[in-house]
Amino acid sequence: MQNSFNEKLRVAKDYLNFRRAALSRFSIHSPFLFELVNDVFRDNRDYYAFSDIEKIRQSLLSDARTIEENHFGEQSKALPQQTRKVSDIARVTSLPQNYGKLLFRLVNHLRPGNFIELGTGLGISALYLASAESSAPFITLEGSQVLSAIAQEQFSKLQLKNIRLLEGDFNETLPKAIRELGKIHFIFLDGDHRKDSVIRYIRLLLPHLAENATIVIDDIYWSEEMNEAWKEVAQLPQATLTVDLFRMGILFFREGIKVKQDLKVVIY
């Protein structure tokens, strides 16, 4: 109980510090960032795919099937038992609706030529990503055989043809995905919440990034370890613009930005 209280206190302090340092849209002068804030971060329009994806989320939230497996990742510590209901996994680990919509808008805005996701889970974030640019090749990686099978069920409901799921250890599947796609345009990293792993995957990806690539990291304040990982990768000289949205951090590798910028932006 004490550990839980301390974690909540840490997150609250982090959020207060974040809000103090965050920019308003009126203090942003970069045209690229101003468009991001207005057209992506603070856009509240509904797009065609949102209702279909949220219907799938609701079906998962009412899915009473139980599954048993050891490989659920760091994020599932809130579900300590080994046998879990699909509904509980969906409730605890699936990307929230607002951030799924944000991912969709970001991909829709940037129009990447291809993308990779590390951490498929039950497939909600993959559906938002793949729906935003359905003509671009998309490889999503998942370590759990059981979760992979459930995610595939969800993909078939929307009949998205651009998703390819690779199941297995990221250290094996990520190099395979890189070989298949070549230069990578967009990465969403949400599958391993350990500092060393986050940094290792990003350093593995760096030589294979396309021009103007983007990396989105989820849960950057989820733990002290994740926040340390974010702070370290945000210092990469190749990342010419970093944006801290509190839940997510975004690394932009844009050659047109000559002076490195590190910003905090409130989106809602």
Protein backbone atom coordinates (compact mmCIF):
# COMPACT_ATOMS: atom_id res chain seq x y z
CA MET A 1 0.00 0.00 0.00
CA GLN A 2 2.83 2.39 0.92
CA ASN A 3 4.58 1.74 -2.41
CA SER A 4 1.34 2.48 -4.28
CA PHE A 5 0.90 5.76 -2.37
CA ASN A 6 4.50 6.78 -3.04
CA GLU A 7 4.08 6.07 -6.75
CA LYS A 8 0.94 8.20 -6.93
CA LEU A 9 2.72 10.98 -5.04
CA ARG A 10 5.68 10.80 -7.46
CA VAL A 11 3.41 11.00 -10.51
CA ALA A 12 1.50 13.94 -9.01
CA LYS A 13 4.75 15.84 -8.38
CA ASP A 14 5.97 15.02 -11.88
CA TYR A 15 2.74 16.32 -13.36
CA LEU A 16 2.89 19.60 -11.43
CA ASN A 17 6.45 20.14 -12.64
CA PHE A 18 5.38 19.26 -16.18
CA ARG A 19 2.52 21.79 -16.14
CA ARG A 20 4.79 24.54 -14.84
CA ALA A 21 7.21 24.01 -17.72
CA ALA A 22 4.63 23.33 -20.48
CA LEU A 23 4.14 25.75 -23.35
CA SER A 24 0.89 27.22 -24.53
CA ARG A 25 0.15 27.29 -28.26
CA PHE A 26 0.70 31.08 -28.20
CA SER A 27 4.34 30.72 -27.16
CA ILE A 28 5.19 28.30 -29.99
CA HIS A 29 6.92 29.90 -32.97
CA SER A 30 8.05 26.90 -35.01
CA PRO A 31 5.58 26.42 -37.93
CA PHE A 32 6.05 22.64 -37.80
CA LEU A 33 5.30 22.47 -34.07
CA PHE A 34 2.45 24.99 -34.29
CA GLU A 35 0.75 22.77 -36.89
CA LEU A 36 1.28 19.73 -34.66
CA VAL A 37 -0.32 21.43 -31.68
CA ASN A 38 -3.33 22.74 -33.59
CA ASP A 39 -3.86 19.96 -36.13
CA VAL A 40 -2.87 16.94 -34.02
CA PHE A 41 -2.54 17.48 -30.28
CA ARG A 42 -5.61 19.71 -29.85
CA ASP A 43 -7.77 18.46 -32.69
CA ASN A 44 -11.05 17.06 -31.31
CA ARG A 45 -12.68 16.01 -34.60
CA ASP A 46 -13.87 12.45 -34.98
CA TYR A 47 -12.45 10.43 -37.86
CA TYR A 48 -14.03 7.54 -39.71
CA ALA A 49 -12.25 4.73 -37.84
CA PHE A 50 -12.75 5.87 -34.26
CA SER A 51 -16.19 4.39 -33.62
CA ASP A 52 -15.25 1.02 -35.14
CA ILE A 53 -12.12 0.75 -33.01
CA GLU A 54 -13.93 1.76 -29.83
CA LYS A 55 -16.60 -0.90 -30.49
CA ILE A 56 -13.76 -3.43 -30.55
CA ARG A 57 -12.42 -2.03 -27.28
CA GLN A 58 -15.85 -2.43 -25.68
CA SER A 59 -16.04 -6.03 -26.84
CA LEU A 60 -12.65 -6.70 -25.21
CA LEU A 61 -13.75 -4.97 -22.00
CA SER A 62 -16.65 -7.40 -21.78
CA ASP A 63 -14.63 -10.47 -22.84
CA ALA A 64 -14.85 -12.95 -19.95
CA ARG A 65 -12.33 -15.41 -21.37
CA THR A 66 -9.47 -16.25 -19.02
CA ILE A 67 -5.95 -16.78 -20.24
CA GLU A 68 -2.86 -18.00 -18.47
CA GLU A 69 0.61 -16.92 -19.42
CA ASN A 70 3.76 -15.56 -17.82
CA HIS A 71 4.62 -13.03 -20.53
CA PHE A 72 2.52 -9.94 -19.90
CA GLY A 73 5.24 -7.30 -19.55
CA GLU A 74 6.08 -4.76 -16.88
CA GLN A 75 2.88 -2.80 -17.41
CA SER A 76 0.70 -5.61 -16.09
CA LYS A 77 1.97 -5.50 -12.50
CA ALA A 78 -1.45 -4.14 -11.59
CA LEU A 79 -2.74 -7.64 -12.43
CA PRO A 80 -0.48 -9.81 -10.27
CA GLN A 81 -2.27 -13.11 -10.83
CA GLN A 82 -1.05 -15.35 -13.65
CA THR A 83 -4.58 -16.29 -14.83
CA ARG A 84 -6.41 -13.19 -16.04
CA LYS A 85 -9.58 -12.20 -17.83
CA VAL A 86 -9.22 -10.61 -21.23
CA SER A 87 -11.48 -7.82 -19.95
CA ASP A 88 -9.02 -7.00 -17.14
CA ILE A 89 -6.05 -6.97 -19.51
CA ALA A 90 -7.96 -4.61 -21.82
CA ARG A 91 -8.83 -2.32 -18.92
CA VAL A 92 -5.29 -2.08 -17.55
CA THR A 93 -2.98 -2.30 -20.56
CA SER A 94 -4.83 -0.99 -23.64
CA LEU A 95 -4.02 2.51 -24.84
CA PRO A 96 -6.69 5.00 -23.63
CA GLN A 97 -9.12 6.31 -26.23
CA ASN A 98 -7.78 9.89 -26.26
CA TYR A 99 -4.24 8.70 -26.92
CA GLY A 100 -5.34 6.22 -29.55
CA LYS A 101 -7.00 9.10 -31.37
CA LEU A 102 -3.84 11.17 -30.93
CA LEU A 103 -1.74 8.42 -32.54
CA PHE A 104 -4.19 8.25 -35.43
CA ARG A 105 -4.04 12.02 -35.96
CA LEU A 106 -0.25 12.05 -35.74
CA VAL A 107 0.13 9.32 -38.37
CA ASN A 108 -2.57 10.93 -40.50
CA HIS A 109 -0.68 14.24 -40.30
CA LEU A 110 2.82 12.89 -40.95
CA ARG A 111 1.90 10.22 -43.55
CA PRO A 112 4.84 7.88 -42.82
CA GLY A 113 5.89 5.44 -45.54
CA ASN A 114 5.92 2.54 -43.04
CA PHE A 115 5.85 1.96 -39.31
CA ILE A 116 6.69 -0.44 -36.49
CA GLU A 117 5.00 -0.98 -33.14
CA LEU A 118 6.78 -2.69 -30.24
CA GLY A 119 4.07 -4.14 -28.01
CA THR A 120 0.85 -5.17 -29.75
CA GLY A 121 -1.03 -6.23 -26.62
CA LEU A 122 -4.67 -6.78 -27.53
CA GLY A 123 -4.28 -4.68 -30.67
CA ILE A 124 -6.08 -1.40 -29.91
CA SER A 125 -3.11 0.89 -30.58
CA ALA A 126 -2.25 -1.09 -33.72
CA LEU A 127 -5.77 -0.53 -35.04
CA TYR A 128 -5.46 3.23 -34.55
CA LEU A 129 -2.04 3.30 -36.23
CA ALA A 130 -2.88 1.06 -39.16
CA SER A 131 -6.22 2.76 -39.85
CA ALA A 132 -4.56 6.17 -40.12
CA GLU A 133 -2.38 5.13 -43.07
CA SER A 134 -3.81 1.89 -44.42
CA SER A 135 -1.62 1.90 -47.53
CA ALA A 136 1.66 1.89 -45.57
CA PRO A 137 3.31 -1.37 -44.44
CA PHE A 138 2.94 -1.81 -40.68
CA ILE A 139 4.70 -4.42 -38.55
CA THR A 140 3.64 -4.85 -34.92
CA LEU A 141 5.66 -6.95 -32.47
CA GLU A 142 4.27 -8.94 -29.53
CA GLY A 143 6.05 -11.28 -27.15
CA SER A 144 2.98 -13.18 -25.96
CA GLN A 145 1.54 -15.98 -28.08
CA VAL A 146 -1.87 -15.70 -26.41
CA LEU A 147 -2.13 -11.92 -26.80
CA SER A 148 -0.95 -12.20 -30.41
CA ALA A 149 -3.82 -14.55 -31.21
CA ILE A 150 -6.40 -12.24 -29.61
CA ALA A 151 -4.95 -9.21 -31.41
CA GLN A 152 -5.20 -11.03 -34.73
CA GLU A 153 -8.90 -11.56 -34.02
CA GLN A 154 -9.35 -7.80 -33.67
CA PHE A 155 -7.40 -7.02 -36.85
CA SER A 156 -9.66 -9.32 -38.87
CA LYS A 157 -12.73 -7.39 -37.70
CA LEU A 158 -11.59 -4.25 -39.53
CA GLN A 159 -10.06 -6.21 -42.43
CA LEU A 160 -6.89 -4.11 -42.39
CA LYS A 161 -4.48 -5.51 -44.96
CA ASN A 162 -1.37 -3.56 -44.00
CA ILE A 163 -0.81 -5.11 -40.52
CA ARG A 164 1.75 -7.86 -40.09
CA LEU A 165 2.20 -9.24 -36.57
CA LEU A 166 5.50 -10.82 -35.59
CA GLU A 167 5.33 -12.87 -32.39
CA GLY A 168 8.38 -13.53 -30.24
CA ASP A 169 11.20 -11.88 -28.33
CA PHE A 170 11.79 -8.30 -29.52
CA ASN A 171 15.52 -8.95 -29.72
CA GLU A 172 14.74 -11.41 -32.51
CA THR A 173 11.67 -9.90 -34.15
CA LEU A 174 12.82 -6.26 -34.27
CA PRO A 175 15.88 -6.97 -36.48
CA LYS A 176 13.61 -9.06 -38.72
CA ALA A 177 11.12 -6.18 -39.02
CA ILE A 178 13.93 -3.78 -39.87
CA ARG A 179 15.19 -6.08 -42.61
CA GLU A 180 11.71 -6.31 -44.09
CA LEU A 181 10.94 -2.58 -44.06
CA GLY A 182 14.37 -1.07 -44.72
CA LYS A 183 14.38 2.58 -43.65
CA ILE A 184 11.81 3.09 -40.87
CA HIS A 185 9.55 6.16 -40.88
CA PHE A 186 7.50 5.83 -37.67
CA ILE A 187 7.95 3.79 -34.46
CA PHE A 188 5.57 3.39 -31.52
CA LEU A 189 7.35 1.87 -28.52
CA ASP A 190 5.06 0.46 -25.83
CA GLY A 191 6.15 -3.12 -25.23
CA ASP A 192 8.92 -3.07 -22.64
CA HIS A 193 8.95 -0.66 -19.72
CA ARG A 194 12.55 -1.24 -18.66
CA LYS A 195 15.08 1.55 -19.12
CA ASP A 196 17.83 -0.59 -20.60
CA SER A 197 15.42 -2.18 -23.09
CA VAL A 198 13.96 1.13 -24.27
CA ILE A 199 17.42 2.58 -24.87
CA ARG A 200 18.65 -0.61 -26.56
CA TYR A 201 15.74 -0.74 -29.01
CA ILE A 202 16.10 2.91 -29.94
CA ARG A 203 19.85 2.59 -30.49
CA LEU A 204 19.18 -0.47 -32.65
CA LEU A 205 16.70 1.54 -34.72
CA LEU A 206 18.78 4.72 -35.09
CA PRO A 207 20.90 3.61 -38.10
CA HIS A 208 17.74 2.52 -39.93
CA LEU A 209 15.64 5.66 -39.55
CA ALA A 210 14.31 7.30 -42.68
CA GLU A 211 14.62 11.02 -43.25
CA ASN A 212 12.22 12.93 -40.96
CA ALA A 213 11.45 9.80 -38.91
CA THR A 214 9.39 9.87 -35.71
CA ILE A 215 9.58 7.74 -32.55
CA VAL A 216 6.73 7.80 -30.01
CA ILE A 217 7.38 6.32 -26.55
CA ASP A 218 4.40 5.56 -24.33
CA ASP A 219 4.26 5.80 -20.51
CA ILE A 220 7.32 8.02 -20.07
CA TYR A 221 6.25 8.87 -16.50
CA TRP A 222 4.96 5.38 -15.68
CA SER A 223 7.98 4.72 -13.43
CA GLU A 224 11.19 6.45 -12.45
CA GLU A 225 12.99 4.01 -14.73
CA MET A 226 10.85 4.94 -17.74
CA ASN A 227 11.32 8.65 -17.04
CA GLU A 228 15.08 8.15 -16.87
CA ALA A 229 14.94 6.32 -20.21
CA TRP A 230 12.98 9.20 -21.77
CA LYS A 231 15.40 11.82 -20.46
CA GLU A 232 18.35 9.87 -21.85
CA VAL A 233 16.96 9.28 -25.34
CA ALA A 234 15.70 12.88 -25.51
CA GLN A 235 19.36 13.93 -25.41
CA LEU A 236 20.19 12.07 -28.61
CA PRO A 237 21.70 14.67 -30.98
CA GLN A 238 19.87 13.09 -33.93
CA ALA A 239 16.51 13.97 -32.34
CA THR A 240 16.19 17.60 -33.39
CA LEU A 241 12.82 18.11 -31.68
CA THR A 242 11.50 16.29 -28.59
CA VAL A 243 7.98 16.80 -27.28
CA ASP A 244 6.92 15.68 -23.80
CA LEU A 245 3.12 15.22 -23.63
CA PHE A 246 3.39 13.74 -20.12
CA ARG A 247 1.97 10.33 -20.99
CA MET A 248 3.89 10.09 -24.26
CA GLY A 249 7.19 11.41 -25.48
CA ILE A 250 7.87 12.05 -29.17
CA LEU A 251 11.28 12.19 -30.85
CA PHE A 252 11.31 13.95 -34.23
CA PHE A 253 14.35 13.36 -36.41
CA ARG A 254 13.82 16.28 -38.80
CA GLU A 255 16.68 17.67 -40.82
CA GLY A 256 14.89 20.99 -41.33
CA ILE A 257 15.18 21.87 -37.64
CA LYS A 258 18.67 23.30 -37.21
CA VAL A 259 18.59 24.10 -33.47
CA LYS A 260 17.58 21.25 -31.15
CA GLN A 261 14.40 21.92 -29.19
CA ASP A 262 13.06 20.08 -26.12
CA LEU A 263 9.49 21.05 -25.29
CA LYS A 264 6.64 20.11 -22.95
CA VAL A 265 3.13 20.55 -24.39
CA VAL A 266 -0.27 20.13 -22.73
CA ILE A 267 -2.63 18.46 -25.21
CA TYR A 268 -5.95 18.32 -23.31
